[in-house]
Amino acid sequence: MSNPFTQNGDEPNLLMQIQKGDEKSFEVIFRRYYAHLVMFAKRYVSDKDMAENIVQSVFVQFWEKRNKQEINSLKGFLVVAVRNRCHNELKHQGVVREYEKVTTTTTSEMEWPKYEETFYLNRINQVIDQLPEQRQKIFKMSRMDGLKYKEIAEKLSISPKTVEVQMGHALKYLRENLQPLKKQLLGMFL
């Protein structure tokens, strides 16, 4: 099997066709890169099904946002998108494992209080929604979309330093305003 990452002479034309909504060009790109991106993702997540899901979600997002993204190198874009999605998935799995560890230990030691998970998620989202508009946008692009500061800066036409400063302010605000919630959650386990 030849390596698709070495054959990209027709890539600019295919990309232009995809931006016009040509599904056949998208299928060519999908078939060209899919298997190699799955192998690439599997090196990060070590699970073939998860790697396939990650690559598929990257392609779905690529298709959905085909007119909103300026892409110089399609293979570079896809590799970075898959890598970022893998990192986000690994972070998410770490959080889930920690949560499961805490809840397993806690539920075996005492009866679990009947708190609504949605209450806490809603509170976190309320605090995020209180951020100034641009700071909120930067925070969501970084933490929810998995973009790097440089990518955010390019998309918003601001400097990477501005992104860094705004993220610092956002994180400080979230820490301060979620501290009572954190104490409440910790109180359940002590």
Protein backbone atom coordinates (compact mmCIF):
# COMPACT_ATOMS: atom_id res chain seq x y z
CA MET A 1 0.00 0.00 0.00
CA SER A 2 1.49 3.35 -0.98
CA ASN A 3 1.74 6.18 1.51
CA PRO A 4 -0.82 8.91 0.69
CA PHE A 5 1.17 11.45 2.64
CA THR A 6 3.71 11.52 -0.18
CA GLN A 7 1.26 12.02 -3.07
CA ASN A 8 -0.39 15.42 -2.93
CA GLY A 9 0.02 16.97 -6.38
CA ASP A 10 -3.73 17.12 -6.94
CA GLU A 11 -4.47 18.21 -3.37
CA PRO A 12 -5.07 21.94 -4.08
CA ASN A 13 -7.57 21.11 -6.83
CA LEU A 14 -9.36 18.54 -4.67
CA LEU A 15 -9.50 20.99 -1.77
CA MET A 16 -10.99 23.66 -4.03
CA GLN A 17 -13.62 21.17 -5.24
CA ILE A 18 -14.44 20.14 -1.67
CA GLN A 19 -14.94 23.79 -0.69
CA LYS A 20 -17.48 23.97 -3.53
CA GLY A 21 -19.30 20.98 -2.02
CA ASP A 22 -18.05 18.25 -4.35
CA GLU A 23 -18.64 15.00 -2.48
CA LYS A 24 -16.61 12.90 -4.94
CA SER A 25 -13.48 14.97 -4.23
CA PHE A 26 -14.14 14.58 -0.51
CA GLU A 27 -14.44 10.82 -0.99
CA VAL A 28 -11.08 10.77 -2.82
CA ILE A 29 -9.43 12.57 0.11
CA PHE A 30 -11.22 10.34 2.63
CA ARG A 31 -10.09 7.15 0.90
CA ARG A 32 -6.57 8.49 0.45
CA TYR A 33 -5.97 9.44 4.08
CA TYR A 34 -8.41 7.46 6.23
CA ALA A 35 -6.41 4.24 6.85
CA HIS A 36 -3.15 6.09 7.53
CA LEU A 37 -4.84 8.55 9.87
CA VAL A 38 -6.42 5.65 11.78
CA MET A 39 -2.97 4.05 12.19
CA PHE A 40 -1.60 7.44 13.28
CA ALA A 41 -4.43 7.91 15.83
CA LYS A 42 -4.01 4.35 17.11
CA ARG A 43 -0.45 5.20 18.17
CA TYR A 44 -1.96 7.73 20.59
CA VAL A 45 -5.11 6.01 21.82
CA SER A 46 -4.13 2.31 21.39
CA ASP A 47 -7.69 1.35 20.50
CA LYS A 48 -8.69 0.77 16.88
CA ASP A 49 -12.39 1.59 17.35
CA MET A 50 -11.58 4.81 19.17
CA ALA A 51 -8.98 5.72 16.53
CA GLU A 52 -11.55 5.15 13.78
CA ASN A 53 -14.14 7.27 15.63
CA ILE A 54 -11.62 10.08 16.05
CA VAL A 55 -10.64 10.07 12.38
CA GLN A 56 -14.26 9.90 11.27
CA SER A 57 -15.18 12.85 13.50
CA VAL A 58 -12.25 14.85 12.05
CA PHE A 59 -13.50 14.17 8.53
CA VAL A 60 -17.08 15.09 9.50
CA GLN A 61 -15.90 18.37 11.00
CA PHE A 62 -13.69 19.02 7.97
CA TRP A 63 -16.70 18.57 5.65
CA GLU A 64 -19.02 20.65 7.82
CA LYS A 65 -16.52 23.52 8.06
CA ARG A 66 -15.04 23.18 4.56
CA ASN A 67 -15.91 26.80 3.68
CA LYS A 68 -14.86 28.29 7.00
CA GLN A 69 -11.26 27.08 7.17
CA GLU A 70 -8.26 28.27 5.25
CA ILE A 71 -6.11 25.21 4.67
CA ASN A 72 -2.66 25.43 3.14
CA SER A 73 -1.76 21.76 3.48
CA LEU A 74 -4.60 19.28 3.68
CA LYS A 75 -2.46 16.43 4.96
CA GLY A 76 -0.96 18.76 7.59
CA PHE A 77 -4.41 19.94 8.60
CA LEU A 78 -5.73 16.38 8.93
CA VAL A 79 -2.72 15.11 10.89
CA VAL A 80 -2.86 18.04 13.34
CA ALA A 81 -6.64 17.71 13.72
CA VAL A 82 -6.36 13.97 14.45
CA ARG A 83 -3.48 14.51 16.87
CA ASN A 84 -5.40 17.24 18.73
CA ARG A 85 -8.53 15.11 18.89
CA CYS A 86 -6.45 12.20 20.27
CA HIS A 87 -4.95 14.44 22.95
CA ASN A 88 -8.42 15.68 23.91
CA GLU A 89 -9.74 12.12 24.08
CA LEU A 90 -6.83 11.04 26.28
CA LYS A 91 -7.43 14.00 28.61
CA HIS A 92 -11.13 13.12 28.75
CA GLN A 93 -10.34 9.48 29.55
CA GLY A 94 -8.03 10.61 32.37
CA VAL A 95 -10.80 12.72 33.87
CA VAL A 96 -13.26 9.84 33.56
CA ARG A 97 -10.81 7.43 35.23
CA GLU A 98 -10.23 9.86 38.11
CA TYR A 99 -13.97 10.37 38.50
CA GLU A 100 -14.58 6.60 38.47
CA LYS A 101 -11.80 6.09 41.01
CA VAL A 102 -13.29 8.69 43.34
CA THR A 103 -16.86 7.47 42.95
CA THR A 104 -15.89 3.80 43.37
CA THR A 105 -13.96 4.56 46.55
CA THR A 106 -16.64 6.86 47.88
CA THR A 107 -19.66 4.70 47.11
CA SER A 108 -18.05 1.72 48.81
CA GLU A 109 -17.38 3.77 51.96
CA MET A 110 -20.68 5.67 52.24
CA GLU A 111 -23.98 6.13 50.52
CA TRP A 112 -23.71 8.45 47.56
CA PRO A 113 -25.67 11.70 47.99
CA LYS A 114 -28.39 12.25 45.40
CA TYR A 115 -26.81 15.24 43.64
CA GLU A 116 -27.78 15.97 40.07
CA GLU A 117 -24.82 15.83 37.71
CA THR A 118 -26.58 18.32 35.46
CA PHE A 119 -26.63 20.88 38.30
CA TYR A 120 -22.83 20.96 38.35
CA LEU A 121 -22.48 21.00 34.57
CA ASN A 122 -25.03 23.80 34.35
CA ARG A 123 -23.15 25.78 37.00
CA ILE A 124 -19.86 25.38 35.12
CA ASN A 125 -21.53 26.48 31.87
CA GLN A 126 -23.09 29.48 33.65
CA VAL A 127 -19.67 30.62 34.84
CA ILE A 128 -18.22 30.18 31.32
CA ASP A 129 -21.15 32.18 29.91
CA GLN A 130 -20.31 35.06 32.30
CA LEU A 131 -16.94 35.58 30.62
CA PRO A 132 -16.65 38.56 28.26
CA GLU A 133 -17.58 37.57 24.71
CA GLN A 134 -14.10 37.38 23.20
CA ARG A 135 -12.61 35.69 26.28
CA GLN A 136 -15.44 33.14 26.22
CA LYS A 137 -14.85 32.49 22.52
CA ILE A 138 -11.10 32.03 23.11
CA PHE A 139 -11.74 29.71 26.06
CA LYS A 140 -14.18 27.53 24.10
CA MET A 141 -11.89 27.37 21.04
CA SER A 142 -9.03 26.24 23.28
CA ARG A 143 -10.73 23.89 25.72
CA MET A 144 -13.68 22.59 23.70
CA ASP A 145 -12.39 22.68 20.13
CA GLY A 146 -8.82 21.77 21.08
CA LEU A 147 -7.18 24.58 19.11
CA LYS A 148 -3.69 25.82 19.89
CA TYR A 149 -3.17 29.47 20.85
CA LYS A 150 -1.57 30.21 17.48
CA GLU A 151 -4.57 28.71 15.62
CA ILE A 152 -7.00 30.75 17.73
CA ALA A 153 -4.97 33.90 17.11
CA GLU A 154 -5.08 33.31 13.35
CA LYS A 155 -8.83 32.65 13.34
CA LEU A 156 -9.60 35.74 15.42
CA SER A 157 -6.95 37.97 13.82
CA ILE A 158 -5.25 38.71 17.14
CA SER A 159 -1.80 37.96 18.49
CA PRO A 160 -0.99 34.66 20.20
CA LYS A 161 0.07 36.68 23.25
CA THR A 162 -3.43 38.20 23.45
CA VAL A 163 -4.87 34.68 23.35
CA GLU A 164 -2.51 33.61 26.14
CA VAL A 165 -3.41 36.60 28.32
CA GLN A 166 -7.16 36.13 27.72
CA MET A 167 -6.90 32.41 28.60
CA GLY A 168 -5.06 33.31 31.80
CA HIS A 169 -7.85 35.70 32.78
CA ALA A 170 -10.52 33.14 31.86
CA LEU A 171 -8.90 30.37 33.91
CA LYS A 172 -8.43 32.66 36.91
CA TYR A 173 -12.08 33.72 36.72
CA LEU A 174 -13.23 30.10 36.48
CA ARG A 175 -11.08 29.04 39.45
CA GLU A 176 -12.41 31.87 41.59
CA ASN A 177 -16.04 31.35 40.67
CA LEU A 178 -16.03 27.56 40.78
CA GLN A 179 -14.16 27.36 44.12
CA PRO A 180 -17.40 27.14 46.17
CA LEU A 181 -18.62 24.37 43.87
CA LYS A 182 -15.31 22.53 44.28
CA LYS A 183 -15.57 22.78 48.08
CA GLN A 184 -19.12 21.47 47.92
CA LEU A 185 -18.04 18.51 45.78
CA LEU A 186 -15.07 17.75 48.02
CA GLY A 187 -17.32 18.00 51.09
CA MET A 188 -19.34 15.11 49.71
CA PHE A 189 -16.27 12.88 49.83
CA LEU A 190 -14.77 13.87 53.18
